[in-house]
Each structure stands twice: as structure tokens, then as C-alpha cells.
Amino acid sequence: MFPEIEQFKKHLWRQRRHTSTHRHYTSDLRLFFAWAGKPPAAITISDVDAYIAHCQEQGHAIATINRRLTALRSFYQFLATESDNLPINPVLPQRHLIRQRHRLPRDVADATLDRLNVVC
């Protein structure tokens, strides 16, 4: 793939040896760039938009899509610190990170309430 991804993987491993973040982020980046078919410098905001739509069409969970976007965003932040010829980070948190719905609390079942009343 791209040598920058391997450099990023090593960077993550040095920072967080006790986690598997480096493996998951590397996998996410490989999936993204295989899908995009472009080098990191050629990726645009529209490419990220299209990738989100692709992931949603594939039925991926919101948490999975957000992790992939976080991996991509972190990768571009890494490139900005490591390179003089830095590409612009195409992942915009306000635009690309998907908000998860919060579930409403469920009612307590009548049988559970009856058992609580007996205990009290």
C-alpha cells in the first residue's frame, strides 16, 4: 500500500503499545485507500462524503464508520507533523462524524415494580 500508512502504524504502536489501536487503524486506512484508489494527497472532502455513503450502504454500524473516520483524520494529522509537503486533512469533524442516537429509557415492567413493592 502506501509507506505513510506503515509509518503511521509504527507511530501508533510506539504511543499505545498496550492497545490494538495500531492494527485497527491500519486496517481502516487500508480499506479506505483500497476503496478510494487514490494516494493520500489526492483525497478530497467529497471522497470522504462518498466513503461514508458507501459504508452506510454496506450496513456498517455508526460506531464503525466513526472509528474509520477517526483513523483517517488521525492519519492526516500524523502526516501534517511528519511531512513538509502536507496534504489537507479531508475529514471535517463537524461534517463527517455521525452522531449516534441516544436511546430513551425503557419503562420498568409491572412485574418488576410489584417485586420491588413486596421488598419495601
PDB file of N, CA and C in Angstrom:
ATOM      1  N   MET A   1       0.860  -1.185   0.000  1.00  0.00           N
ATOM      2  CA  MET A   1       0.000   0.000   0.000  1.00  0.00           C
ATOM      3  C   MET A   1       0.898   1.236   0.000  1.00  0.00           C
ATOM      4  N   PHE A   2       0.653   2.174   0.882  1.00  0.00           N
ATOM      5  CA  PHE A   2       1.433   3.400   0.941  1.00  0.00           C
ATOM      6  C   PHE A   2       2.394   3.334   2.127  1.00  0.00           C
ATOM      7  N   PRO A   3       3.631   3.774   1.941  1.00  0.00           N
ATOM      8  CA  PRO A   3       4.598   3.717   3.055  1.00  0.00           C
ATOM      9  C   PRO A   3       4.175   4.593   4.242  1.00  0.00           C
ATOM     10  N   GLU A   4       3.398   5.630   3.970  1.00  0.00           N
ATOM     11  CA  GLU A   4       2.947   6.506   5.054  1.00  0.00           C
ATOM     12  C   GLU A   4       2.071   5.756   6.062  1.00  0.00           C
ATOM     13  N   ILE A   5       1.313   4.777   5.571  1.00  0.00           N
ATOM     14  CA  ILE A   5       0.446   4.007   6.460  1.00  0.00           C
ATOM     15  C   ILE A   5       1.296   3.165   7.412  1.00  0.00           C
ATOM     16  N   GLU A   6       2.363   2.577   6.907  1.00  0.00           N
ATOM     17  CA  GLU A   6       3.257   1.796   7.773  1.00  0.00           C
ATOM     18  C   GLU A   6       3.953   2.696   8.791  1.00  0.00           C
ATOM     19  N   GLN A   7       4.343   3.890   8.379  1.00  0.00           N
ATOM     20  CA  GLN A   7       4.952   4.842   9.320  1.00  0.00           C
ATOM     21  C   GLN A   7       3.955   5.219  10.408  1.00  0.00           C
ATOM     22  N   PHE A   8       2.713   5.428  10.023  1.00  0.00           N
ATOM     23  CA  PHE A   8       1.660   5.770  10.972  1.00  0.00           C
ATOM     24  C   PHE A   8       1.418   4.619  11.941  1.00  0.00           C
ATOM     25  N   LYS A   9       1.427   3.402  11.418  1.00  0.00           N
ATOM     26  CA  LYS A   9       1.234   2.220  12.267  1.00  0.00           C
ATOM     27  C   LYS A   9       2.340   2.140  13.326  1.00  0.00           C
ATOM     28  N   LYS A  10       3.566   2.362  12.919  1.00  0.00           N
ATOM     29  CA  LYS A  10       4.687   2.328  13.870  1.00  0.00           C
ATOM     30  C   LYS A  10       4.564   3.447  14.901  1.00  0.00           C
ATOM     31  N   HIS A  11       4.133   4.603  14.437  1.00  0.00           N
ATOM     32  CA  HIS A  11       3.929   5.741  15.340  1.00  0.00           C
ATOM     33  C   HIS A  11       2.876   5.408  16.394  1.00  0.00           C
ATOM     34  N   LEU A  12       1.755   4.848  15.975  1.00  0.00           N
ATOM     35  CA  LEU A  12       0.699   4.478  16.919  1.00  0.00           C
ATOM     36  C   LEU A  12       1.164   3.397  17.885  1.00  0.00           C
ATOM     37  N   TRP A  13       1.918   2.437  17.379  1.00  0.00           N
ATOM     38  CA  TRP A  13       2.396   1.355  18.232  1.00  0.00           C
ATOM     39  C   TRP A  13       3.326   1.900  19.322  1.00  0.00           C
ATOM     40  N   ARG A  14       4.185   2.854  18.946  1.00  0.00           N
ATOM     41  CA  ARG A  14       5.083   3.455  19.942  1.00  0.00           C
ATOM     42  C   ARG A  14       4.305   4.219  21.000  1.00  0.00           C
ATOM     43  N   GLN A  15       3.230   4.870  20.613  1.00  0.00           N
ATOM     44  CA  GLN A  15       2.440   5.660  21.558  1.00  0.00           C
ATOM     45  C   GLN A  15       1.557   4.807  22.456  1.00  0.00           C
ATOM     46  N   ARG A  16       0.995   3.757  21.895  1.00  0.00           N
ATOM     47  CA  ARG A  16      -0.003   2.962  22.626  1.00  0.00           C
ATOM     48  C   ARG A  16       0.295   1.474  22.482  1.00  0.00           C
ATOM     49  N   ARG A  17       1.385   1.018  23.028  1.00  0.00           N
ATOM     50  CA  ARG A  17       1.785  -0.382  22.873  1.00  0.00           C
ATOM     51  C   ARG A  17       0.785  -1.362  23.456  1.00  0.00           C
ATOM     52  N   HIS A  18       0.117  -0.986  24.505  1.00  0.00           N
ATOM     53  CA  HIS A  18      -0.769  -1.902  25.204  1.00  0.00           C
ATOM     54  C   HIS A  18      -2.152  -2.037  24.554  1.00  0.00           C
ATOM     55  N   THR A  19      -2.403  -1.321  23.469  1.00  0.00           N
ATOM     56  CA  THR A  19      -3.705  -1.408  22.802  1.00  0.00           C
ATOM     57  C   THR A  19      -3.550  -1.983  21.399  1.00  0.00           C
ATOM     58  N   SER A  20      -4.659  -2.284  20.788  1.00  0.00           N
ATOM     59  CA  SER A  20      -4.646  -2.790  19.410  1.00  0.00           C
ATOM     60  C   SER A  20      -5.021  -1.688  18.420  1.00  0.00           C
ATOM     61  N   THR A  21      -4.965  -0.455  18.863  1.00  0.00           N
ATOM     62  CA  THR A  21      -5.347   0.675  18.009  1.00  0.00           C
ATOM     63  C   THR A  21      -4.554   0.682  16.708  1.00  0.00           C
ATOM     64  N   HIS A  22      -3.269   0.413  16.787  1.00  0.00           N
ATOM     65  CA  HIS A  22      -2.443   0.470  15.578  1.00  0.00           C
ATOM     66  C   HIS A  22      -2.924  -0.534  14.525  1.00  0.00           C
ATOM     67  N   ARG A  23      -3.372  -1.707  14.953  1.00  0.00           N
ATOM     68  CA  ARG A  23      -3.868  -2.701  13.996  1.00  0.00           C
ATOM     69  C   ARG A  23      -5.203  -2.282  13.392  1.00  0.00           C
ATOM     70  N   HIS A  24      -6.101  -1.811  14.237  1.00  0.00           N
ATOM     71  CA  HIS A  24      -7.429  -1.428  13.746  1.00  0.00           C
ATOM     72  C   HIS A  24      -7.361  -0.210  12.832  1.00  0.00           C
ATOM     73  N   TYR A  25      -6.601   0.804  13.227  1.00  0.00           N
ATOM     74  CA  TYR A  25      -6.480   2.000  12.394  1.00  0.00           C
ATOM     75  C   TYR A  25      -5.814   1.680  11.062  1.00  0.00           C
ATOM     76  N   THR A  26      -4.790   0.836  11.091  1.00  0.00           N
ATOM     77  CA  THR A  26      -4.123   0.453   9.849  1.00  0.00           C
ATOM     78  C   THR A  26      -5.085  -0.274   8.926  1.00  0.00           C
ATOM     79  N   SER A  27      -5.866  -1.171   9.473  1.00  0.00           N
ATOM     80  CA  SER A  27      -6.862  -1.885   8.681  1.00  0.00           C
ATOM     81  C   SER A  27      -7.887  -0.918   8.092  1.00  0.00           C
ATOM     82  N   ASP A  28      -8.343   0.026   8.913  1.00  0.00           N
ATOM     83  CA  ASP A  28      -9.305   1.016   8.434  1.00  0.00           C
ATOM     84  C   ASP A  28      -8.736   1.854   7.301  1.00  0.00           C
ATOM     85  N   LEU A  29      -7.476   2.240   7.412  1.00  0.00           N
ATOM     86  CA  LEU A  29      -6.843   3.041   6.364  1.00  0.00           C
ATOM     87  C   LEU A  29      -6.678   2.239   5.077  1.00  0.00           C
ATOM     88  N   ARG A  30      -6.287   0.989   5.209  1.00  0.00           N
ATOM     89  CA  ARG A  30      -6.139   0.149   4.014  1.00  0.00           C
ATOM     90  C   ARG A  30      -7.475  -0.020   3.300  1.00  0.00           C
ATOM     91  N   LEU A  31      -8.536  -0.213   4.077  1.00  0.00           N
ATOM     92  CA  LEU A  31      -9.865  -0.332   3.466  1.00  0.00           C
ATOM     93  C   LEU A  31     -10.250   0.952   2.732  1.00  0.00           C
ATOM     94  N   PHE A  32      -9.998   2.085   3.382  1.00  0.00           N
ATOM     95  CA  PHE A  32     -10.369   3.361   2.768  1.00  0.00           C
ATOM     96  C   PHE A  32      -9.599   3.595   1.472  1.00  0.00           C
ATOM     97  N   PHE A  33      -8.268   3.433   1.518  1.00  0.00           N
ATOM     98  CA  PHE A  33      -7.477   3.747   0.329  1.00  0.00           C
ATOM     99  C   PHE A  33      -7.669   2.713  -0.779  1.00  0.00           C
ATOM    100  N   ALA A  34      -7.987   1.482  -0.437  1.00  0.00           N
ATOM    101  CA  ALA A  34      -8.333   0.492  -1.465  1.00  0.00           C
ATOM    102  C   ALA A  34      -9.640   0.892  -2.133  1.00  0.00           C
ATOM    103  N   TRP A  35     -10.587   1.370  -1.335  1.00  0.00           N
ATOM    104  CA  TRP A  35     -11.861   1.827  -1.893  1.00  0.00           C
ATOM    105  C   TRP A  35     -11.652   3.071  -2.760  1.00  0.00           C
ATOM    106  N   ALA A  36     -10.879   4.026  -2.258  1.00  0.00           N
ATOM    107  CA  ALA A  36     -10.700   5.300  -2.967  1.00  0.00           C
ATOM    108  C   ALA A  36      -9.857   5.144  -4.226  1.00  0.00           C
ATOM    109  N   GLY A  37      -8.848   4.291  -4.170  1.00  0.00           N
ATOM    110  CA  GLY A  37      -7.976   4.115  -5.331  1.00  0.00           C
ATOM    111  C   GLY A  37      -7.118   5.325  -5.623  1.00  0.00           C
ATOM    112  N   LYS A  38      -6.861   6.137  -4.595  1.00  0.00           N
ATOM    113  CA  LYS A  38      -6.060   7.353  -4.750  1.00  0.00           C
ATOM    114  C   LYS A  38      -5.005   7.409  -3.653  1.00  0.00           C
ATOM    115  N   PRO A  39      -3.917   8.141  -3.904  1.00  0.00           N
ATOM    116  CA  PRO A  39      -2.932   8.346  -2.836  1.00  0.00           C
ATOM    117  C   PRO A  39      -3.459   9.354  -1.815  1.00  0.00           C
ATOM    118  N   PRO A  40      -2.866   9.401  -0.630  1.00  0.00           N
ATOM    119  CA  PRO A  40      -3.345  10.309   0.417  1.00  0.00           C
ATOM    120  C   PRO A  40      -3.449  11.771  -0.011  1.00  0.00           C
ATOM    121  N   ALA A  41      -2.521  12.234  -0.815  1.00  0.00           N
ATOM    122  CA  ALA A  41      -2.529  13.638  -1.214  1.00  0.00           C
ATOM    123  C   ALA A  41      -3.692  13.987  -2.143  1.00  0.00           C
ATOM    124  N   ALA A  42      -4.289  12.991  -2.773  1.00  0.00           N
ATOM    125  CA  ALA A  42      -5.363  13.246  -3.746  1.00  0.00           C
ATOM    126  C   ALA A  42      -6.765  13.121  -3.142  1.00  0.00           C
ATOM    127  N   ILE A  43      -6.873  12.751  -1.889  1.00  0.00           N
ATOM    128  CA  ILE A  43      -8.182  12.562  -1.259  1.00  0.00           C
ATOM    129  C   ILE A  43      -8.821  13.916  -0.980  1.00  0.00           C
ATOM    130  N   THR A  44     -10.109  14.031  -1.285  1.00  0.00           N
ATOM    131  CA  THR A  44     -10.841  15.282  -1.078  1.00  0.00           C
ATOM    132  C   THR A  44     -11.965  15.074  -0.058  1.00  0.00           C
ATOM    133  N   ILE A  45     -12.563  16.171   0.335  1.00  0.00           N
ATOM    134  CA  ILE A  45     -13.707  16.125   1.240  1.00  0.00           C
ATOM    135  C   ILE A  45     -14.841  15.334   0.600  1.00  0.00           C
ATOM    136  N   SER A  46     -15.030  15.481  -0.697  1.00  0.00           N
ATOM    137  CA  SER A  46     -16.078  14.733  -1.417  1.00  0.00           C
ATOM    138  C   SER A  46     -15.826  13.231  -1.377  1.00  0.00           C
ATOM    139  N   ASP A  47     -14.559  12.831  -1.402  1.00  0.00           N
ATOM    140  CA  ASP A  47     -14.226  11.411  -1.297  1.00  0.00           C
ATOM    141  C   ASP A  47     -14.672  10.860   0.062  1.00  0.00           C
ATOM    142  N   VAL A  48     -14.456  11.639   1.098  1.00  0.00           N
ATOM    143  CA  VAL A  48     -14.865  11.219   2.443  1.00  0.00           C
ATOM    144  C   VAL A  48     -16.389  11.124   2.509  1.00  0.00           C
ATOM    145  N   ASP A  49     -17.085  12.093   1.924  1.00  0.00           N
ATOM    146  CA  ASP A  49     -18.552  12.045   1.864  1.00  0.00           C
ATOM    147  C   ASP A  49     -19.020  10.757   1.177  1.00  0.00           C
ATOM    148  N   ALA A  50     -18.403  10.444   0.051  1.00  0.00           N
ATOM    149  CA  ALA A  50     -18.783   9.250  -0.709  1.00  0.00           C
ATOM    150  C   ALA A  50     -18.466   7.974   0.071  1.00  0.00           C
ATOM    151  N   TYR A  51     -17.368   7.981   0.818  1.00  0.00           N
ATOM    152  CA  TYR A  51     -16.995   6.805   1.609  1.00  0.00           C
ATOM    153  C   TYR A  51     -18.007   6.562   2.735  1.00  0.00           C
ATOM    154  N   ILE A  52     -18.461   7.630   3.350  1.00  0.00           N
ATOM    155  CA  ILE A  52     -19.484   7.494   4.392  1.00  0.00           C
ATOM    156  C   ILE A  52     -20.744   6.868   3.795  1.00  0.00           C
ATOM    157  N   ALA A  53     -21.159   7.356   2.644  1.00  0.00           N
ATOM    158  CA  ALA A  53     -22.339   6.801   1.977  1.00  0.00           C
ATOM    159  C   ALA A  53     -22.125   5.329   1.633  1.00  0.00           C
ATOM    160  N   HIS A  54     -20.929   4.995   1.161  1.00  0.00           N
ATOM    161  CA  HIS A  54     -20.597   3.608   0.834  1.00  0.00           C
ATOM    162  C   HIS A  54     -20.700   2.714   2.074  1.00  0.00           C
ATOM    163  N   CYS A  55     -20.139   3.159   3.179  1.00  0.00           N
ATOM    164  CA  CYS A  55     -20.177   2.378   4.422  1.00  0.00           C
ATOM    165  C   CYS A  55     -21.609   2.194   4.919  1.00  0.00           C
ATOM    166  N   GLN A  56     -22.411   3.244   4.790  1.00  0.00           N
ATOM    167  CA  GLN A  56     -23.808   3.147   5.209  1.00  0.00           C
ATOM    168  C   GLN A  56     -24.577   2.170   4.319  1.00  0.00           C
ATOM    169  N   GLU A  57     -24.295   2.200   3.027  1.00  0.00           N
ATOM    170  CA  GLU A  57     -24.941   1.267   2.107  1.00  0.00           C
ATOM    171  C   GLU A  57     -24.556  -0.175   2.418  1.00  0.00           C
ATOM    172  N   GLN A  58     -23.329  -0.367   2.892  1.00  0.00           N
ATOM    173  CA  GLN A  58     -22.848  -1.701   3.255  1.00  0.00           C
ATOM    174  C   GLN A  58     -23.444  -2.177   4.578  1.00  0.00           C
ATOM    175  N   GLY A  59     -24.109  -1.271   5.288  1.00  0.00           N
ATOM    176  CA  GLY A  59     -24.759  -1.640   6.539  1.00  0.00           C
ATOM    177  C   GLY A  59     -23.862  -1.589   7.762  1.00  0.00           C
ATOM    178  N   HIS A  60     -22.761  -0.860   7.682  1.00  0.00           N
ATOM    179  CA  HIS A  60     -21.856  -0.758   8.828  1.00  0.00           C
ATOM    180  C   HIS A  60     -22.492   0.072   9.936  1.00  0.00           C
ATOM    181  N   ALA A  61     -22.175  -0.266  11.162  1.00  0.00           N
ATOM    182  CA  ALA A  61     -22.682   0.466  12.314  1.00  0.00           C
ATOM    183  C   ALA A  61     -22.083   1.868  12.354  1.00  0.00           C
ATOM    184  N   ILE A  62     -22.805   2.782  12.969  1.00  0.00           N
ATOM    185  CA  ILE A  62     -22.335   4.165  13.091  1.00  0.00           C
ATOM    186  C   ILE A  62     -20.991   4.208  13.816  1.00  0.00           C
ATOM    187  N   ALA A  63     -20.843   3.402  14.855  1.00  0.00           N
ATOM    188  CA  ALA A  63     -19.587   3.377  15.606  1.00  0.00           C
ATOM    189  C   ALA A  63     -18.420   2.933  14.725  1.00  0.00           C
ATOM    190  N   THR A  64     -18.655   1.989  13.836  1.00  0.00           N
ATOM    191  CA  THR A  64     -17.610   1.518  12.920  1.00  0.00           C
ATOM    192  C   THR A  64     -17.214   2.617  11.941  1.00  0.00           C
ATOM    193  N   ILE A  65     -18.195   3.277  11.387  1.00  0.00           N
ATOM    194  CA  ILE A  65     -17.915   4.360  10.433  1.00  0.00           C
ATOM    195  C   ILE A  65     -17.146   5.478  11.134  1.00  0.00           C
ATOM    196  N   ASN A  66     -17.566   5.842  12.328  1.00  0.00           N
ATOM    197  CA  ASN A  66     -16.868   6.901  13.059  1.00  0.00           C
ATOM    198  C   ASN A  66     -15.436   6.503  13.396  1.00  0.00           C
ATOM    199  N   ARG A  67     -15.206   5.222  13.742  1.00  0.00           N
ATOM    200  CA  ARG A  67     -13.834   4.788  14.013  1.00  0.00           C
ATOM    201  C   ARG A  67     -12.983   4.890  12.754  1.00  0.00           C
ATOM    202  N   ARG A  68     -13.542   4.513  11.624  1.00  0.00           N
ATOM    203  CA  ARG A  68     -12.794   4.612  10.361  1.00  0.00           C
ATOM    204  C   ARG A  68     -12.469   6.071  10.032  1.00  0.00           C
ATOM    205  N   LEU A  69     -13.412   6.953  10.287  1.00  0.00           N
ATOM    206  CA  LEU A  69     -13.169   8.381  10.039  1.00  0.00           C
ATOM    207  C   LEU A  69     -12.133   8.936  11.015  1.00  0.00           C
ATOM    208  N   THR A  70     -12.176   8.475  12.255  1.00  0.00           N
ATOM    209  CA  THR A  70     -11.187   8.914  13.245  1.00  0.00           C
ATOM    210  C   THR A  70      -9.801   8.432  12.847  1.00  0.00           C
ATOM    211  N   ALA A  71      -9.703   7.208  12.357  1.00  0.00           N
ATOM    212  CA  ALA A  71      -8.421   6.688  11.889  1.00  0.00           C
ATOM    213  C   ALA A  71      -7.895   7.540  10.740  1.00  0.00           C
ATOM    214  N   LEU A  72      -8.763   7.883   9.811  1.00  0.00           N
ATOM    215  CA  LEU A  72      -8.361   8.694   8.662  1.00  0.00           C
ATOM    216  C   LEU A  72      -7.935  10.094   9.098  1.00  0.00           C
ATOM    217  N   ARG A  73      -8.701  10.669   9.990  1.00  0.00           N
ATOM    218  CA  ARG A  73      -8.372  12.008  10.495  1.00  0.00           C
ATOM    219  C   ARG A  73      -7.036  12.003  11.236  1.00  0.00           C
ATOM    220  N   SER A  74      -6.817  10.996  12.070  1.00  0.00           N
ATOM    221  CA  SER A  74      -5.560  10.875  12.809  1.00  0.00           C
ATOM    222  C   SER A  74      -4.379  10.672  11.859  1.00  0.00           C
ATOM    223  N   PHE A  75      -4.611   9.920  10.797  1.00  0.00           N
ATOM    224  CA  PHE A  75      -3.571   9.692   9.799  1.00  0.00           C
ATOM    225  C   PHE A  75      -3.132  11.006   9.157  1.00  0.00           C
ATOM    226  N   TYR A  76      -4.091  11.834   8.790  1.00  0.00           N
ATOM    227  CA  TYR A  76      -3.749  13.121   8.178  1.00  0.00           C
ATOM    228  C   TYR A  76      -3.098  14.071   9.184  1.00  0.00           C
ATOM    229  N   GLN A  77      -3.479  13.995  10.435  1.00  0.00           N
ATOM    230  CA  GLN A  77      -2.800  14.793  11.461  1.00  0.00           C
ATOM    231  C   GLN A  77      -1.356  14.336  11.616  1.00  0.00           C
ATOM    232  N   PHE A  78      -1.137  13.030  11.553  1.00  0.00           N
ATOM    233  CA  PHE A  78       0.214  12.481  11.595  1.00  0.00           C
ATOM    234  C   PHE A  78       1.027  12.981  10.407  1.00  0.00           C
ATOM    235  N   LEU A  79       0.439  12.933   9.216  1.00  0.00           N
ATOM    236  CA  LEU A  79       1.152  13.405   8.019  1.00  0.00           C
ATOM    237  C   LEU A  79       1.537  14.881   8.147  1.00  0.00           C
ATOM    238  N   ALA A  80       0.668  15.667   8.771  1.00  0.00           N
ATOM    239  CA  ALA A  80       0.942  17.099   8.931  1.00  0.00           C
ATOM    240  C   ALA A  80       2.159  17.339   9.825  1.00  0.00           C
ATOM    241  N   THR A  81       2.389  16.471  10.788  1.00  0.00           N
ATOM    242  CA  THR A  81       3.537  16.648  11.684  1.00  0.00           C
ATOM    243  C   THR A  81       4.809  16.027  11.132  1.00  0.00           C
ATOM    244  N   GLU A  82       4.681  15.088  10.199  1.00  0.00           N
ATOM    245  CA  GLU A  82       5.837  14.353   9.694  1.00  0.00           C
ATOM    246  C   GLU A  82       6.362  14.841   8.344  1.00  0.00           C
ATOM    247  N   SER A  83       5.593  15.634   7.656  1.00  0.00           N
ATOM    248  CA  SER A  83       5.957  15.957   6.284  1.00  0.00           C
ATOM    249  C   SER A  83       5.925  17.462   6.039  1.00  0.00           C
ATOM    250  N   ASP A  84       6.832  17.897   5.178  1.00  0.00           N
ATOM    251  CA  ASP A  84       6.814  19.295   4.756  1.00  0.00           C
ATOM    252  C   ASP A  84       5.760  19.518   3.677  1.00  0.00           C
ATOM    253  N   ASN A  85       5.509  18.493   2.888  1.00  0.00           N
ATOM    254  CA  ASN A  85       4.536  18.551   1.806  1.00  0.00           C
ATOM    255  C   ASN A  85       3.238  17.919   2.295  1.00  0.00           C
ATOM    256  N   LEU A  86       2.556  18.624   3.182  1.00  0.00           N
ATOM    257  CA  LEU A  86       1.414  18.022   3.837  1.00  0.00           C
ATOM    258  C   LEU A  86       0.125  18.203   3.052  1.00  0.00           C
ATOM    259  N   PRO A  87      -0.635  17.109   2.939  1.00  0.00           N
ATOM    260  CA  PRO A  87      -1.960  17.230   2.326  1.00  0.00           C
ATOM    261  C   PRO A  87      -2.949  17.790   3.342  1.00  0.00           C
ATOM    262  N   ILE A  88      -3.987  18.418   2.840  1.00  0.00           N
ATOM    263  CA  ILE A  88      -5.023  18.971   3.714  1.00  0.00           C
ATOM    264  C   ILE A  88      -5.845  17.819   4.267  1.00  0.00           C
ATOM    265  N   ASN A  89      -6.192  17.904   5.547  1.00  0.00           N
ATOM    266  CA  ASN A  89      -6.992  16.865   6.181  1.00  0.00           C
ATOM    267  C   ASN A  89      -8.421  16.941   5.627  1.00  0.00           C
ATOM    268  N   PRO A  90      -8.862  15.904   4.905  1.00  0.00           N
ATOM    269  CA  PRO A  90     -10.190  15.952   4.288  1.00  0.00           C
ATOM    270  C   PRO A  90     -11.335  15.582   5.230  1.00  0.00           C
ATOM    271  N   VAL A  91     -11.012  15.156   6.446  1.00  0.00           N
ATOM    272  CA  VAL A  91     -12.052  14.756   7.395  1.00  0.00           C
ATOM    273  C   VAL A  91     -12.385  15.945   8.283  1.00  0.00           C
ATOM    274  N   LEU A  92     -13.595  16.429   8.150  1.00  0.00           N
ATOM    275  CA  LEU A  92     -14.058  17.558   8.947  1.00  0.00           C
ATOM    276  C   LEU A  92     -15.010  17.045  10.024  1.00  0.00           C
ATOM    277  N   PRO A  93     -14.627  17.149  11.291  1.00  0.00           N
ATOM    278  CA  PRO A  93     -15.468  16.573  12.355  1.00  0.00           C
ATOM    279  C   PRO A  93     -16.908  17.086  12.340  1.00  0.00           C
ATOM    280  N   GLN A  94     -17.109  18.357  12.090  1.00  0.00           N
ATOM    281  CA  GLN A  94     -18.465  18.906  12.103  1.00  0.00           C
ATOM    282  C   GLN A  94     -19.302  18.351  10.952  1.00  0.00           C
ATOM    283  N   ARG A  95     -18.650  17.939   9.911  1.00  0.00           N
ATOM    284  CA  ARG A  95     -19.369  17.476   8.725  1.00  0.00           C
ATOM    285  C   ARG A  95     -19.431  15.941   8.640  1.00  0.00           C
ATOM    286  N   HIS A  96     -18.367  15.286   9.034  1.00  0.00           N
ATOM    287  CA  HIS A  96     -18.257  13.866   8.752  1.00  0.00           C
ATOM    288  C   HIS A  96     -18.563  12.916   9.904  1.00  0.00           C
ATOM    289  N   LEU A  97     -18.306  13.289  11.122  1.00  0.00           N
ATOM    290  CA  LEU A  97     -18.578  12.362  12.207  1.00  0.00           C
ATOM    291  C   LEU A  97     -20.085  12.260  12.411  1.00  0.00           C
ATOM    292  N   ILE A  98     -20.569  11.048  12.459  1.00  0.00           N
ATOM    293  CA  ILE A  98     -22.008  10.802  12.519  1.00  0.00           C
ATOM    294  C   ILE A  98     -22.431  10.724  13.978  1.00  0.00           C
ATOM    295  N   ARG A  99     -23.464  11.452  14.307  1.00  0.00           N
ATOM    296  CA  ARG A  99     -23.976  11.426  15.679  1.00  0.00           C
ATOM    297  C   ARG A  99     -24.810  10.172  15.888  1.00  0.00           C
ATOM    298  N   GLN A 100     -24.577   9.551  17.004  1.00  0.00           N
ATOM    299  CA  GLN A 100     -25.364   8.365  17.345  1.00  0.00           C
ATOM    300  C   GLN A 100     -26.609   8.802  18.094  1.00  0.00           C
ATOM    301  N   ARG A 101     -27.684   8.108  17.819  1.00  0.00           N
ATOM    302  CA  ARG A 101     -28.922   8.397  18.532  1.00  0.00           C
ATOM    303  C   ARG A 101     -28.807   7.898  19.959  1.00  0.00           C
ATOM    304  N   HIS A 102     -29.386   8.648  20.848  1.00  0.00           N
ATOM    305  CA  HIS A 102     -29.450   8.216  22.239  1.00  0.00           C
ATOM    306  C   HIS A 102     -30.773   7.487  22.438  1.00  0.00           C
ATOM    307  N   ARG A 103     -30.686   6.336  23.028  1.00  0.00           N
ATOM    308  CA  ARG A 103     -31.898   5.572  23.268  1.00  0.00           C
ATOM    309  C   ARG A 103     -32.626   6.133  24.484  1.00  0.00           C
ATOM    310  N   LEU A 104     -33.930   6.140  24.381  1.00  0.00           N
ATOM    311  CA  LEU A 104     -34.744   6.598  25.504  1.00  0.00           C
ATOM    312  C   LEU A 104     -34.807   5.490  26.551  1.00  0.00           C
ATOM    313  N   PRO A 105     -34.911   5.882  27.804  1.00  0.00           N
ATOM    314  CA  PRO A 105     -35.020   4.839  28.834  1.00  0.00           C
ATOM    315  C   PRO A 105     -36.316   4.052  28.663  1.00  0.00           C
ATOM    316  N   ARG A 106     -36.259   2.780  29.012  1.00  0.00           N
ATOM    317  CA  ARG A 106     -37.439   1.928  28.898  1.00  0.00           C
ATOM    318  C   ARG A 106     -38.213   1.950  30.214  1.00  0.00           C
ATOM    319  N   ASP A 107     -39.498   1.734  30.104  1.00  0.00           N
ATOM    320  CA  ASP A 107     -40.338   1.619  31.301  1.00  0.00           C
ATOM    321  C   ASP A 107     -39.980   0.345  32.048  1.00  0.00           C
ATOM    322  N   VAL A 108     -40.116   0.409  33.336  1.00  0.00           N
ATOM    323  CA  VAL A 108     -39.913  -0.777  34.149  1.00  0.00           C
ATOM    324  C   VAL A 108     -41.171  -1.629  34.041  1.00  0.00           C
ATOM    325  N   ALA A 109     -40.986  -2.915  33.865  1.00  0.00           N
ATOM    326  CA  ALA A 109     -42.128  -3.829  33.720  1.00  0.00           C
ATOM    327  C   ALA A 109     -42.936  -3.865  35.021  1.00  0.00           C
ATOM    328  N   ASP A 110     -44.249  -4.058  34.884  1.00  0.00           N
ATOM    329  CA  ASP A 110     -45.138  -4.106  36.054  1.00  0.00           C
ATOM    330  C   ASP A 110     -44.721  -5.203  37.036  1.00  0.00           C
ATOM    331  N   ALA A 111     -44.300  -6.339  36.510  1.00  0.00           N
ATOM    332  CA  ALA A 111     -43.891  -7.441  37.383  1.00  0.00           C
ATOM    333  C   ALA A 111     -42.686  -7.039  38.233  1.00  0.00           C
ATOM    334  N   THR A 112     -41.769  -6.292  37.654  1.00  0.00           N
ATOM    335  CA  THR A 112     -40.597  -5.830  38.404  1.00  0.00           C
ATOM    336  C   THR A 112     -41.014  -4.843  39.479  1.00  0.00           C
ATOM    337  N   LEU A 113     -41.942  -3.953  39.155  1.00  0.00           N
ATOM    338  CA  LEU A 113     -42.433  -2.990  40.138  1.00  0.00           C
ATOM    339  C   LEU A 113     -43.135  -3.707  41.302  1.00  0.00           C
ATOM    340  N   ASP A 114     -43.908  -4.728  40.957  1.00  0.00           N
ATOM    341  CA  ASP A 114     -44.592  -5.499  42.005  1.00  0.00           C
ATOM    342  C   ASP A 114     -43.578  -6.155  42.936  1.00  0.00           C
ATOM    343  N   ARG A 115     -42.512  -6.705  42.376  1.00  0.00           N
ATOM    344  CA  ARG A 115     -41.487  -7.326  43.217  1.00  0.00           C
ATOM    345  C   ARG A 115     -40.800  -6.302  44.099  1.00  0.00           C
ATOM    346  N   LEU A 116     -40.578  -5.092  43.577  1.00  0.00           N
ATOM    347  CA  LEU A 116     -39.965  -4.036  44.379  1.00  0.00           C
ATOM    348  C   LEU A 116     -40.887  -3.610  45.517  1.00  0.00           C
ATOM    349  N   ASN A 117     -42.169  -3.529  45.249  1.00  0.00           N
ATOM    350  CA  ASN A 117     -43.129  -3.153  46.281  1.00  0.00           C
ATOM    351  C   ASN A 117     -43.186  -4.184  47.408  1.00  0.00           C
ATOM    352  N   VAL A 118     -43.047  -5.454  47.057  1.00  0.00           N
ATOM    353  CA  VAL A 118     -43.060  -6.521  48.057  1.00  0.00           C
ATOM    354  C   VAL A 118     -41.848  -6.411  48.972  1.00  0.00           C
ATOM    355  N   VAL A 119     -40.696  -6.071  48.422  1.00  0.00           N
ATOM    356  CA  VAL A 119     -39.457  -5.955  49.191  1.00  0.00           C
ATOM    357  C   VAL A 119     -39.540  -4.764  50.143  1.00  0.00           C
ATOM    358  N   CYS A 120     -40.131  -3.697  49.717  1.00  0.00           N
ATOM    359  CA  CYS A 120     -40.203  -2.497  50.548  1.00  0.00           C
ATOM    360  C   CYS A 120     -41.222  -2.708  51.613  1.00  0.00           C
TER     361      CYS A 120
END
